[in-house]
Protein backbone atom coordinates (compact mmCIF):
# COMPACT_ATOMS: atom_id res chain seq x y z
CA MET A 1 -25.38 64.05 22.24
CA THR A 2 -26.98 61.30 20.19
CA SER A 3 -26.13 59.68 16.89
CA ASP A 4 -28.29 58.19 14.18
CA THR A 5 -25.61 55.49 13.57
CA PRO A 6 -26.71 52.20 15.19
CA THR A 7 -24.35 50.82 17.83
CA ARG A 8 -23.24 47.18 17.44
CA THR A 9 -23.40 45.39 20.79
CA ALA A 10 -21.70 42.24 22.06
CA THR A 11 -25.05 40.49 21.75
CA ASP A 12 -25.13 41.35 18.06
CA ASP A 13 -21.59 39.95 17.63
CA ASP A 14 -22.55 36.73 19.39
CA ALA A 15 -25.63 36.41 17.21
CA GLY A 16 -23.56 36.96 14.09
CA ARG A 17 -21.03 34.34 15.12
CA SER A 18 -23.83 31.94 15.99
CA ALA A 19 -25.42 32.40 12.58
CA GLU A 20 -22.05 31.91 10.88
CA ALA A 21 -21.40 28.75 12.88
CA THR A 22 -24.84 27.41 11.99
CA ALA A 23 -24.26 28.07 8.30
CA TRP A 24 -20.82 26.41 8.56
CA SER A 25 -22.35 23.36 10.23
CA GLN A 26 -25.01 23.08 7.55
CA ARG A 27 -22.37 23.27 4.81
CA LEU A 28 -20.34 20.52 6.46
CA ARG A 29 -23.34 18.20 6.69
CA ARG A 30 -23.41 18.18 2.90
CA PHE A 31 -19.87 16.81 2.97
CA GLY A 32 -20.44 14.01 5.45
CA TYR A 33 -19.76 15.73 8.77
CA PRO A 34 -22.59 15.00 11.22
CA GLY A 35 -23.62 17.64 13.67
CA GLY A 36 -23.63 17.22 17.40
CA PRO A 37 -23.21 19.03 20.67
CA ARG A 38 -19.74 20.53 21.18
CA THR A 39 -18.45 19.01 17.95
CA GLY A 40 -16.35 21.97 16.96
CA PRO A 41 -13.99 22.46 14.04
CA ARG A 42 -10.95 21.38 16.03
CA GLU A 43 -12.48 18.00 16.82
CA ARG A 44 -13.57 17.65 13.22
CA LEU A 45 -10.18 18.63 11.87
CA VAL A 46 -8.26 16.24 14.11
CA PRO A 47 -10.53 13.64 15.72
CA PRO A 48 -8.86 12.47 18.93
CA PHE A 49 -7.80 8.89 19.43
CA PRO A 50 -10.13 7.21 21.94
CA GLN A 51 -8.73 6.33 25.31
CA PRO A 52 -7.46 2.74 25.32
CA GLY A 53 -9.71 0.34 27.20
CA VAL A 54 -8.51 -1.21 30.44
CA ARG A 55 -11.36 -3.59 31.18
CA VAL A 56 -9.56 -6.66 29.80
CA TRP A 57 -6.49 -6.06 31.96
CA GLN A 58 -8.55 -5.31 35.06
CA PHE A 59 -10.66 -8.40 34.44
CA VAL A 60 -7.56 -10.60 34.91
CA GLY A 61 -6.74 -8.85 38.19
CA ILE A 62 -4.22 -6.20 37.12
CA GLY A 63 -4.30 -2.90 39.04
CA PRO A 64 -5.57 0.37 37.52
CA ASP A 65 -2.17 2.01 36.98
CA LEU A 66 -0.56 -1.01 35.34
CA SER A 67 -3.74 -1.62 33.32
CA SER A 68 -3.55 1.90 31.97
CA ARG A 69 0.11 1.50 30.98
CA LEU A 70 -0.55 -1.84 29.30
CA ALA A 71 -3.50 -0.38 27.41
CA ARG A 72 -1.37 2.49 26.12
CA SER A 73 1.43 0.13 25.13
CA ALA A 74 -1.02 -1.74 22.89
CA GLU A 75 -0.72 1.13 20.39
CA TRP A 76 2.67 -0.33 19.41
CA ALA A 77 2.65 -3.74 21.07
CA GLY A 78 -0.37 -4.90 19.06
CA PRO A 79 1.08 -3.98 15.64
CA LEU A 80 4.47 -5.42 16.59
CA LEU A 81 2.93 -8.75 17.62
CA VAL A 82 1.01 -8.93 14.35
CA ALA A 83 4.21 -8.13 12.44
CA VAL A 84 6.14 -10.86 14.30
CA PHE A 85 3.43 -13.35 13.34
CA ALA A 86 3.66 -12.21 9.71
CA GLY A 87 7.45 -12.46 9.81
CA VAL A 88 7.37 -16.04 11.05
CA LEU A 89 5.14 -17.00 8.14
CA ARG A 90 7.31 -15.22 5.61
CA PHE A 91 10.74 -16.36 6.80
CA TRP A 92 9.82 -19.96 7.63
CA ARG A 93 11.73 -22.23 5.20
CA LEU A 94 12.33 -19.17 3.01
CA GLY A 95 15.16 -20.83 1.12
CA GLN A 96 12.92 -23.76 0.13
CA PRO A 97 12.38 -24.90 -2.49
CA ARG A 98 15.98 -24.45 -3.54
CA VAL A 99 15.10 -23.67 -7.13
CA VAL A 100 14.56 -20.61 -9.30
CA ILE A 101 10.83 -19.84 -9.15
CA PHE A 102 8.98 -18.24 -12.06
CA ASP A 103 10.42 -14.79 -12.90
CA GLU A 104 13.14 -15.07 -10.26
CA THR A 105 15.19 -16.22 -13.22
CA TYR A 106 15.28 -12.58 -14.36
CA TYR A 107 15.19 -10.46 -11.23
CA ALA A 108 17.49 -12.46 -8.96
CA LYS A 109 20.23 -12.47 -11.58
CA ASP A 110 19.69 -8.83 -12.54
CA ALA A 111 19.91 -7.91 -8.85
CA TRP A 112 23.28 -9.66 -8.57
CA SER A 113 24.43 -7.83 -11.67
CA MET A 114 23.35 -4.51 -10.13
CA LEU A 115 25.32 -5.38 -7.01
CA LYS A 116 28.49 -6.21 -8.97
CA LEU A 117 28.29 -3.87 -11.98
CA GLY A 118 25.76 -1.17 -11.12
CA TYR A 119 23.61 -2.11 -14.12
CA GLU A 120 22.05 -5.22 -15.68
CA GLY A 121 24.78 -7.25 -17.35
CA THR A 122 24.46 -10.23 -19.67
CA TRP A 123 23.67 -13.80 -18.64
CA PRO A 124 23.55 -17.02 -20.67
CA ASP A 125 20.22 -18.68 -21.33
CA ARG A 126 18.43 -19.53 -18.09
CA LYS A 127 18.64 -23.27 -18.86
CA ILE A 128 22.39 -22.86 -18.53
CA ALA A 129 22.72 -20.07 -15.94
CA ASP A 130 20.16 -21.24 -13.37
CA PRO A 131 21.67 -24.73 -12.78
CA GLU A 132 25.17 -23.24 -12.57
CA ILE A 133 24.06 -20.73 -9.93
CA LEU A 134 22.47 -23.49 -7.82
CA ALA A 135 25.33 -25.95 -8.31
CA HIS A 136 28.08 -26.87 -5.83
CA PRO A 137 30.56 -25.38 -6.44
CA GLN A 138 28.65 -22.36 -7.70
CA VAL A 139 29.38 -20.80 -11.08
CA ILE A 140 28.14 -17.27 -11.78
CA PRO A 141 28.26 -16.75 -15.57
CA LEU A 142 27.81 -12.95 -15.59
CA SER A 143 29.49 -10.84 -18.27
CA ASP A 144 29.91 -7.06 -18.47
CA PRO A 145 27.98 -5.97 -21.62
CA GLY A 146 24.66 -4.38 -20.69
CA SER A 147 21.39 -6.07 -21.55
CA PHE A 148 17.96 -4.63 -22.27
CA VAL A 149 15.55 -4.99 -19.35
CA ALA A 150 11.88 -4.11 -19.18
CA HIS A 151 11.70 -2.54 -15.71
CA PRO A 152 13.46 0.25 -13.78
CA PRO A 153 16.24 -0.68 -11.34
CA MET A 154 14.85 -0.02 -7.83
CA GLY A 155 13.26 -3.42 -7.25
CA LYS A 156 16.48 -5.12 -8.25
CA TRP A 157 18.50 -2.84 -5.98
CA VAL A 158 16.26 -3.95 -3.12
CA ILE A 159 16.71 -7.66 -3.92
CA SER A 160 20.47 -7.15 -4.22
CA VAL A 161 20.70 -6.16 -0.54
CA GLY A 162 19.75 -9.69 0.51
CA GLU A 163 22.13 -11.17 -2.04
CA GLY A 164 24.92 -8.98 -0.72
CA LEU A 165 24.24 -10.24 2.81
CA PHE A 166 23.63 -13.94 2.13
CA GLY A 167 24.90 -14.62 -1.37
CA LEU A 168 23.33 -15.53 -4.68
CA ASP A 169 21.04 -18.31 -3.48
CA PRO A 170 17.26 -18.62 -2.91
CA PHE A 171 17.39 -17.36 0.68
CA GLY A 172 19.55 -14.42 -0.33
CA TRP A 173 17.42 -13.24 -3.21
CA ARG A 174 14.16 -13.73 -1.28
CA PHE A 175 15.32 -12.12 1.95
CA MET A 176 14.41 -8.52 1.17
CA THR A 177 10.96 -9.23 -0.21
CA ALA A 178 10.22 -11.26 2.94
CA LEU A 179 11.47 -8.36 5.06
CA LEU A 180 9.43 -5.77 3.15
CA GLY A 181 6.38 -8.01 3.35
CA THR A 182 6.77 -8.25 7.11
CA VAL A 183 7.33 -4.51 7.59
CA SER A 184 4.35 -3.73 5.35
CA VAL A 185 2.13 -5.62 7.81
CA LEU A 186 3.45 -3.43 10.64
CA MET A 187 2.88 -0.32 8.56
CA LEU A 188 -0.66 -1.33 7.72
CA CYS A 189 -1.48 -1.83 11.41
CA ARG A 190 -0.34 1.70 12.16
CA ILE A 191 -1.98 3.14 9.04
CA GLY A 192 -5.27 1.46 9.93
CA ARG A 193 -5.04 2.81 13.47
CA ARG A 194 -4.57 6.36 12.22
CA LEU A 195 -7.24 6.00 9.55
CA PHE A 196 -9.93 4.47 11.77
CA ARG A 197 -8.81 5.94 15.12
CA SER A 198 -8.85 2.37 16.43
CA THR A 199 -5.89 0.20 17.39
CA ALA A 200 -8.08 -2.90 17.16
CA LEU A 201 -9.21 -2.21 13.59
CA GLY A 202 -5.68 -1.25 12.59
CA CYS A 203 -4.30 -4.52 13.95
CA LEU A 204 -7.14 -6.38 12.26
CA ALA A 205 -6.22 -4.87 8.88
CA GLY A 206 -2.59 -5.88 9.42
CA ALA A 207 -3.56 -9.38 10.52
CA LEU A 208 -5.68 -9.80 7.39
CA LEU A 209 -2.69 -8.80 5.28
CA ALA A 210 -0.55 -11.28 7.22
CA VAL A 211 -2.90 -14.13 6.27
CA ASP A 212 -3.44 -13.15 2.66
CA GLY A 213 -2.09 -15.86 0.39
CA LEU A 214 -1.06 -13.60 -2.47
CA HIS A 215 0.87 -11.27 -0.17
CA LEU A 216 2.55 -14.29 1.45
CA VAL A 217 3.61 -15.82 -1.86
CA MET A 218 4.93 -12.51 -3.20
CA SER A 219 6.80 -11.92 0.08
CA ARG A 220 8.53 -15.28 -0.37
CA THR A 221 9.45 -14.77 -4.03
CA ALA A 222 12.00 -12.38 -5.55
CA LEU A 223 9.68 -10.48 -7.87
CA LEU A 224 9.24 -6.70 -8.21
CA ASP A 225 5.54 -6.23 -7.51
CA LEU A 226 5.79 -6.45 -3.74
CA VAL A 227 8.45 -3.72 -3.81
CA VAL A 228 5.98 -1.42 -5.58
CA MET A 229 3.33 -2.30 -2.99
CA PHE A 230 5.69 -1.52 -0.10
CA PHE A 231 6.77 1.92 -1.28
CA ALA A 232 3.25 2.94 -2.32
CA LEU A 233 1.94 1.88 1.10
CA ALA A 234 4.70 3.85 2.81
CA ALA A 235 3.69 6.91 0.78
CA PHE A 236 0.04 6.44 1.77
CA GLY A 237 1.04 6.33 5.43
CA CYS A 238 3.17 9.47 5.09
CA LEU A 239 0.28 11.34 3.50
CA LEU A 240 -2.01 10.32 6.36
CA VAL A 241 0.45 11.71 8.90
CA ASP A 242 0.80 14.87 6.80
CA ARG A 243 -2.99 15.22 6.74
CA ASP A 244 -3.26 15.04 10.52
CA ARG A 245 -0.41 17.45 11.15
CA THR A 246 -1.63 19.99 8.62
CA ARG A 247 -5.14 19.92 10.03
CA ALA A 248 -3.71 20.34 13.54
CA ARG A 249 -2.00 23.57 12.42
CA LEU A 250 -5.28 24.84 10.99
CA ALA A 251 -7.07 23.89 14.19
CA ALA A 252 -4.52 25.79 16.28
CA ALA A 253 -5.09 28.93 14.19
CA LEU A 254 -8.85 29.05 14.83
CA PRO A 255 -10.12 31.76 17.22
CA LEU A 256 -11.88 30.88 20.47
CA ASP A 257 -15.38 31.97 21.47
CA ALA A 258 -16.41 33.25 24.89
CA ASP A 259 -16.71 29.69 26.23
CA GLY A 260 -13.17 28.80 25.19
CA PHE A 261 -14.21 26.63 22.24
CA ALA A 262 -12.76 27.07 18.76
CA ARG A 263 -15.11 28.38 16.14
CA PRO A 264 -14.86 28.26 12.34
CA ASP A 265 -13.30 31.33 10.81
CA HIS A 266 -13.12 32.26 7.16
CA ASP A 267 -9.87 34.19 7.47
CA ALA A 268 -8.12 31.44 9.43
CA GLY A 269 -9.43 28.76 7.09
CA SER A 270 -8.43 30.66 3.96
CA ARG A 271 -5.18 32.38 4.88
CA THR A 272 -3.39 30.19 7.41
CA ARG A 273 -0.13 28.81 6.07
CA THR A 274 0.46 25.17 6.89
CA GLY A 275 4.23 25.48 7.21
CA PRO A 276 6.83 22.83 6.35
CA ARG A 277 5.39 19.47 5.37
CA PRO A 278 8.23 16.93 5.64
CA TRP A 279 5.87 13.96 5.58
CA ARG A 280 4.61 15.01 2.17
CA LEU A 281 8.20 15.25 0.94
CA ALA A 282 8.80 11.74 2.30
CA ALA A 283 5.72 10.57 0.40
CA GLY A 284 7.23 12.03 -2.77
CA VAL A 285 10.41 10.05 -2.20
CA PHE A 286 8.48 6.81 -1.63
CA LEU A 287 6.33 7.39 -4.71
CA GLY A 288 9.47 7.90 -6.78
CA LEU A 289 10.83 4.61 -5.43
CA ALA A 290 7.53 2.88 -6.25
CA ALA A 291 7.69 4.10 -9.84
CA ALA A 292 11.34 3.00 -9.99
CA GLY A 293 10.26 -0.52 -9.02
CA LYS A 294 7.80 -0.92 -11.87
CA TRP A 295 6.11 1.73 -13.93
CA ASN A 296 2.65 0.99 -12.56
CA GLY A 297 3.93 2.80 -9.46
CA LEU A 298 3.52 6.04 -11.45
CA TYR A 299 -0.25 5.78 -11.12
CA PHE A 300 0.01 5.93 -7.34
CA LEU A 301 1.79 9.27 -7.77
CA VAL A 302 -1.06 10.61 -9.91
CA PHE A 303 -3.86 9.33 -7.69
CA PHE A 304 -2.21 10.28 -4.40
CA THR A 305 -1.41 13.79 -5.61
CA ALA A 306 -5.09 14.34 -6.41
CA LEU A 307 -6.07 12.76 -3.09
CA THR A 308 -3.90 15.00 -0.95
CA VAL A 309 -5.10 18.13 -2.76
CA LEU A 310 -8.71 17.14 -2.04
CA TRP A 311 -7.75 16.52 1.58
CA ASP A 312 -6.46 20.09 1.74
CA VAL A 313 -9.75 21.34 0.32
CA GLY A 314 -11.66 19.45 2.99
CA SER A 315 -9.37 20.76 5.74
CA ARG A 316 -9.92 24.38 4.80
CA ARG A 317 -13.64 23.84 4.42
CA VAL A 318 -13.86 22.46 7.97
CA ALA A 319 -11.73 25.35 9.26
CA GLY A 320 -14.32 27.78 7.91
CA ALA A 321 -13.13 28.79 4.44
CA ARG A 322 -16.18 29.70 2.36
CA ARG A 323 -14.25 29.11 -0.88
CA PRO A 324 -11.95 26.20 0.03
CA TYR A 325 -10.89 25.46 -3.55
CA ARG A 326 -9.72 29.03 -4.01
CA ALA A 327 -7.90 28.87 -0.69
CA VAL A 328 -6.10 25.67 -1.69
CA LEU A 329 -5.23 27.14 -5.07
CA ARG A 330 -3.61 30.10 -3.34
CA ARG A 331 -1.98 28.41 -0.36
CA ASP A 332 -1.50 24.70 -0.97
CA LEU A 333 -1.69 23.52 -4.58
CA GLY A 334 1.71 24.69 -5.75
CA TRP A 335 3.60 23.20 -2.83
CA SER A 336 1.50 20.04 -2.96
CA VAL A 337 2.55 19.35 -6.51
CA LEU A 338 6.16 20.47 -5.99
CA SER A 339 6.64 18.30 -2.91
CA LEU A 340 5.39 15.21 -4.70
CA VAL A 341 5.99 15.26 -8.47
CA PRO A 342 9.50 16.82 -8.72
CA VAL A 343 10.67 14.95 -5.63
CA ALA A 344 9.44 11.67 -7.11
CA LEU A 345 11.15 12.47 -10.42
CA VAL A 346 14.50 13.23 -8.78
CA THR A 347 14.20 10.07 -6.67
CA TYR A 348 13.44 8.04 -9.79
CA LEU A 349 16.53 9.39 -11.56
CA LEU A 350 18.73 8.69 -8.54
CA THR A 351 17.86 5.00 -8.73
CA TRP A 352 19.61 5.00 -12.13
CA THR A 353 22.90 6.19 -10.61
CA GLY A 354 24.66 2.90 -11.31
CA TRP A 355 23.63 3.09 -14.95
CA PHE A 356 24.73 6.73 -15.26
CA LEU A 357 28.15 5.91 -13.78
CA SER A 358 28.64 2.88 -16.00
CA ASP A 359 30.28 2.64 -19.38
CA GLN A 360 28.60 -0.53 -20.64
CA GLY A 361 25.01 -0.15 -19.42
CA TYR A 362 22.49 -0.83 -22.18
CA GLY A 363 22.06 2.30 -24.33
CA ARG A 364 24.24 4.35 -21.98
CA HIS A 365 26.00 6.20 -24.81
CA TRP A 366 23.15 6.31 -27.32
CA ALA A 367 22.98 10.13 -27.33
CA ASP A 368 26.72 10.77 -27.37
CA GLY A 369 27.58 12.95 -30.37
CA ARG A 370 23.93 13.26 -31.49
CA GLY A 371 22.65 16.74 -32.31
CA GLY A 372 19.12 17.93 -32.92
CA THR A 373 16.49 19.97 -31.12
CA TRP A 374 17.17 18.46 -27.71
CA ALA A 375 20.95 18.61 -27.87
CA TRP A 376 20.97 21.13 -24.99
CA ILE A 377 19.87 18.32 -22.63
CA PRO A 378 22.84 16.37 -21.22
CA ALA A 379 23.57 13.27 -23.28
CA PRO A 380 23.12 10.80 -20.38
CA LEU A 381 19.57 12.05 -19.77
CA ARG A 382 18.74 11.82 -23.47
CA SER A 383 20.18 8.30 -23.55
CA LEU A 384 17.99 7.33 -20.60
CA TRP A 385 14.94 8.88 -22.27
CA HIS A 386 15.59 6.80 -25.39
CA TYR A 387 16.06 3.67 -23.30
CA GLU A 388 12.80 4.35 -21.44
CA TYR A 389 11.01 4.88 -24.74
CA LEU A 390 12.15 1.43 -25.87
CA VAL A 391 10.99 -0.02 -22.56
CA TYR A 392 7.58 1.62 -22.98
CA GLN A 393 7.23 0.24 -26.49
CA PHE A 394 8.10 -3.22 -25.22
CA ASN A 395 5.64 -3.14 -22.32
CA VAL A 396 2.63 -1.82 -24.22
CA GLY A 397 3.34 -4.21 -27.07
CA LEU A 398 3.65 -7.31 -24.89
CA HIS A 399 1.01 -9.63 -26.34
CA THR A 400 2.79 -12.98 -26.09
CA PRO A 401 0.18 -15.55 -24.96
CA HIS A 402 0.77 -17.19 -21.58
CA LYS A 403 -1.27 -19.99 -20.07
CA TYR A 404 -1.65 -18.11 -16.77
CA GLN A 405 -2.41 -14.66 -18.14
CA SER A 406 -5.67 -13.09 -17.02
CA ASN A 407 -7.86 -10.06 -17.59
CA PRO A 408 -8.07 -7.46 -14.80
CA TRP A 409 -11.83 -8.07 -14.59
CA SER A 410 -11.10 -11.43 -12.95
CA TRP A 411 -8.49 -10.33 -10.42
CA LEU A 412 -10.74 -9.41 -7.50
CA VAL A 413 -12.45 -12.79 -7.56
CA MET A 414 -9.17 -14.64 -8.12
CA GLY A 415 -10.36 -16.00 -11.44
CA ARG A 416 -6.96 -17.09 -12.77
CA PRO A 417 -4.11 -17.33 -10.23
CA VAL A 418 -0.58 -17.99 -11.42
CA ALA A 419 1.20 -21.25 -10.60
CA PHE A 420 4.79 -20.20 -9.88
CA ARG A 421 5.87 -23.82 -9.51
CA TYR A 422 4.29 -27.27 -9.71
CA GLU A 423 5.85 -30.69 -9.18
CA SER A 424 4.33 -34.18 -8.89
CA PRO A 425 6.53 -36.31 -6.62
CA LYS A 426 5.79 -40.02 -6.56
CA PHE A 427 5.35 -42.18 -3.49
CA GLY A 428 8.54 -42.07 -1.43
CA GLN A 429 9.89 -38.91 -3.06
CA ASP A 430 10.14 -35.52 -1.25
CA GLY A 431 8.14 -36.81 1.69
CA CYS A 432 5.25 -38.14 -0.39
CA ARG A 433 3.36 -40.87 1.48
CA ALA A 434 0.32 -41.16 -0.77
CA SER A 435 0.23 -44.17 -3.04
CA ALA A 436 -1.59 -42.14 -5.71
CA GLY A 437 1.19 -39.56 -5.76
CA CYS A 438 1.53 -36.04 -4.39
CA SER A 439 1.63 -32.41 -5.46
CA GLN A 440 3.91 -29.50 -4.66
CA GLU A 441 2.66 -26.14 -5.80
CA ILE A 442 3.38 -22.48 -5.17
CA LEU A 443 0.21 -20.73 -6.28
CA ALA A 444 -0.10 -16.94 -6.31
CA LEU A 445 -3.65 -17.07 -4.99
CA GLY A 446 -5.12 -14.60 -2.54
CA THR A 447 -6.95 -16.10 0.43
CA PRO A 448 -10.28 -16.64 -1.36
CA LEU A 449 -12.69 -15.73 1.46
CA LEU A 450 -10.68 -12.57 2.18
CA TRP A 451 -10.80 -11.42 -1.43
CA TRP A 452 -14.44 -12.29 -1.91
CA THR A 453 -15.28 -10.42 1.29
CA ALA A 454 -13.24 -7.51 -0.05
CA CYS A 455 -15.56 -7.35 -3.07
CA ALA A 456 -18.49 -6.74 -0.72
CA ALA A 457 -16.39 -4.32 1.34
CA LEU A 458 -15.61 -2.22 -1.76
CA VAL A 459 -19.33 -1.93 -2.48
CA TYR A 460 -19.87 -0.80 1.12
CA LEU A 461 -17.07 1.76 0.82
CA LEU A 462 -18.57 3.10 -2.40
CA TYR A 463 -21.79 3.67 -0.49
CA ARG A 464 -19.96 5.33 2.40
CA TRP A 465 -18.04 7.61 0.07
CA ALA A 466 -20.86 8.51 -2.34
CA MET A 467 -23.75 8.77 0.11
CA ARG A 468 -22.09 9.64 3.43
CA ARG A 469 -19.01 11.47 2.14
CA ASP A 470 -16.77 9.35 4.36
CA TRP A 471 -13.21 10.50 3.60
CA ARG A 472 -11.76 7.23 4.90
CA ALA A 473 -13.72 5.25 2.34
CA GLY A 474 -12.63 7.69 -0.36
CA ALA A 475 -8.97 7.31 0.61
CA VAL A 476 -9.08 3.51 0.50
CA LEU A 477 -10.97 3.50 -2.81
CA CYS A 478 -8.45 5.94 -4.28
CA ALA A 479 -5.57 3.64 -3.33
CA VAL A 480 -7.34 0.58 -4.74
CA GLY A 481 -8.05 2.50 -7.92
CA ALA A 482 -4.42 3.56 -8.26
CA GLY A 483 -3.25 -0.04 -8.21
CA TYR A 484 -6.13 -1.58 -10.15
CA LEU A 485 -7.90 0.71 -12.61
CA PRO A 486 -4.93 1.56 -14.90
CA TRP A 487 -4.66 -2.08 -15.98
CA PHE A 488 -8.04 -1.82 -17.73
CA HIS A 489 -6.39 0.55 -20.21
CA TYR A 490 -4.19 -2.35 -21.39
CA GLN A 491 -6.80 -4.97 -22.17
CA ASP A 492 -4.72 -6.60 -24.90
CA ARG A 493 -1.47 -6.71 -22.94
CA THR A 494 -0.27 -9.94 -21.35
CA ALA A 495 -1.06 -9.45 -17.65
CA PHE A 496 -1.16 -11.59 -14.53
CA SER A 497 -3.32 -11.57 -11.43
CA PHE A 498 -0.37 -11.30 -9.05
CA TYR A 499 -0.01 -7.66 -10.14
CA ALA A 500 -2.91 -7.12 -7.73
CA VAL A 501 -0.54 -7.40 -4.76
CA ALA A 502 0.08 -3.67 -5.27
CA PHE A 503 -3.36 -2.87 -3.84
CA VAL A 504 -4.02 -5.80 -1.51
CA PRO A 505 -3.25 -3.74 1.67
CA TYR A 506 -6.14 -1.43 0.82
CA LEU A 507 -8.47 -4.38 0.35
CA CYS A 508 -7.57 -5.39 3.90
CA LEU A 509 -8.38 -1.86 5.08
CA ALA A 510 -11.72 -2.10 3.27
CA VAL A 511 -12.54 -5.39 5.00
CA ALA A 512 -11.48 -3.95 8.36
CA MET A 513 -13.79 -0.98 7.81
CA LEU A 514 -16.64 -3.32 6.90
CA ILE A 515 -16.03 -5.37 10.05
CA GLY A 516 -16.00 -2.15 12.07
CA ALA A 517 -19.45 -1.41 10.68
CA LEU A 518 -20.59 -4.91 11.62
CA LEU A 519 -19.41 -4.33 15.17
CA GLY A 520 -21.45 -1.13 15.35
CA PRO A 521 -20.72 2.17 17.10
CA ARG A 522 -19.81 2.28 20.77
CA SER A 523 -23.12 3.98 21.52
CA ALA A 524 -25.11 1.07 20.04
CA PRO A 525 -27.23 -1.11 22.38
CA GLU A 526 -25.41 -4.05 23.93
CA ARG A 527 -27.51 -6.57 22.02
CA ARG A 528 -26.51 -4.93 18.73
CA ARG A 529 -22.83 -4.93 19.72
CA VAL A 530 -22.90 -8.59 20.75
CA ALA A 531 -24.56 -9.64 17.51
CA GLY A 532 -22.06 -7.58 15.54
CA ALA A 533 -19.13 -9.08 17.44
CA VAL A 534 -20.38 -12.61 16.76
CA GLY A 535 -20.78 -11.91 13.05
CA ALA A 536 -17.43 -10.13 12.75
CA GLY A 537 -15.61 -12.80 14.74
CA THR A 538 -17.11 -15.58 12.64
CA LEU A 539 -16.02 -13.85 9.44
CA VAL A 540 -12.45 -13.36 10.68
CA LEU A 541 -12.18 -16.97 11.85
CA LEU A 542 -13.42 -18.23 8.48
CA ILE A 543 -10.78 -16.13 6.70
CA VAL A 544 -8.05 -17.48 8.98
CA TRP A 545 -9.27 -21.06 8.45
CA ASN A 546 -9.29 -20.45 4.71
CA PHE A 547 -5.68 -19.28 4.84
CA ILE A 548 -4.62 -22.34 6.85
CA TYR A 549 -6.41 -24.63 4.41
CA PHE A 550 -4.57 -23.18 1.41
CA PHE A 551 -1.24 -22.73 3.23
CA PRO A 552 0.39 -25.79 1.55
CA LEU A 553 -0.26 -24.19 -1.85
CA TYR A 554 1.41 -20.96 -0.75
CA THR A 555 4.60 -22.58 0.50
CA GLY A 556 5.12 -25.55 -1.82
CA LEU A 557 4.54 -28.22 0.82
CA THR A 558 4.10 -31.82 -0.28
CA ILE A 559 0.45 -32.90 -0.02
CA PRO A 560 -1.47 -35.85 -1.50
CA TYR A 561 -2.70 -35.25 -5.01
CA THR A 562 -6.28 -35.70 -3.81
CA GLY A 563 -5.71 -32.95 -1.23
CA TRP A 564 -4.38 -30.65 -3.94
CA GLN A 565 -7.35 -31.46 -6.16
CA SER A 566 -9.82 -30.66 -3.36
CA ARG A 567 -8.29 -27.20 -3.09
CA MET A 568 -8.91 -26.42 -6.74
CA TRP A 569 -12.25 -24.74 -6.02
CA LEU A 570 -12.48 -23.33 -9.53
CA ASP A 571 -11.50 -25.04 -12.76
CA THR A 572 -9.55 -21.92 -13.77
CA TRP A 573 -7.18 -22.44 -10.83
CA ILE A 574 -5.65 -25.49 -12.52
């Protein structure tokens, strides 16, 4: 008995799957994924870390087994060594100079007030309070009535930890920023390793951050901006881990072909649930803490939320979803937003706990007994909203001229760094041995050659992202944009170049990526690799030399006035 209905054979199924895989591969090429033999969706979803090299260890006579263990230990040993180096720089003579530097006059005292009262109390004029705090015996002229402050409390809570451990003195109020600066170098090493799939490039990015002058100065000063940088960087790292783990779940859901290799599948790419995402929740917490340090941390929440949604789109596209945006809308978008925005909001409110529990915090009882449309909202929340409205009005209306203010256009080239402190000791004073006099300066200046190289690196990353669809370049550019671009909206506001510390880790990632390109791929001819290594090594050595040259200006060391003058490469640095 025969049938007119055609029979579908295994050969037909294989041909159909082959055609689907070919179409999938062609679609991916448009989004920056190169083709290649046995480069399946699992490898594209979660590129493996390369095996650590053992040639260096074997070259010095170490056996194969021990060489392998040492190579694997470099995944953590390398970042830890870089972090130790950064910590030595940041904690060396941390309590010197024993004076109140720049805006420490606000944040160090507010931190002590948070520690003792739970909110910002009232201090006398700094000309009275600062000498009393530094005097022997010490006098702390803090009173209970709340005072208006222009920034949320988290940064001051962080500074207060060091003051609680070591007291209200320069070492105490600088301790936590030095610690966060050191840990941020460790984090950047690990973030760079995950981003580039290279321990060497990750450690290079961390080492560049360790020798950046602006990061060093901000790590040794009790200001709020480094706190924002730290929590935003922690959130970026959490989102990277979340990206890898989510893509690994998608990869595990893909069906296998007859040869045992995963193949793209529309159903798996569109319908697979990614399960719990604790690293994204952690990112939401860190982004809330960043916003609670200073309000510019809010922009990291906006940019990173968009970034992680686009990462989900790319993941489902690679897994085989023909309509990845629709798949993300159905499976991921809601939880993406809920795990970041509400979590960040709750975290932000929790940092105000001391103010909520107080009776004399500024504006704490503003809404008590007030009616109106919003009377159904608890009075403490309405009081906080009113307080935050006043803070917003203050910040956007801050136009007071300052001799070190600068426009964001000049930040990347270090057009106008901020002198946190300058003294001119005479011969015989403070170790001055120059007959013409000496200088002591703490200058919030990024290592110039590093920042100027970063300008070129950003151009390279724009090319990689726009023309090659390199997601790594897009991620770094997104983070730089989150810390930098919003300031262009406030052209008339009084602003300072040290705000750029919020995005300096991503500049170091950009430079590391540029240096990786200079080194060339592993498959490149030996001559090309040698030339790239010479060029990359020369650039790194020049940056390190540049940092050493400017080191006295980062730490307030006494140098001859002529030596200080020779370091003023631009007239606008004076």
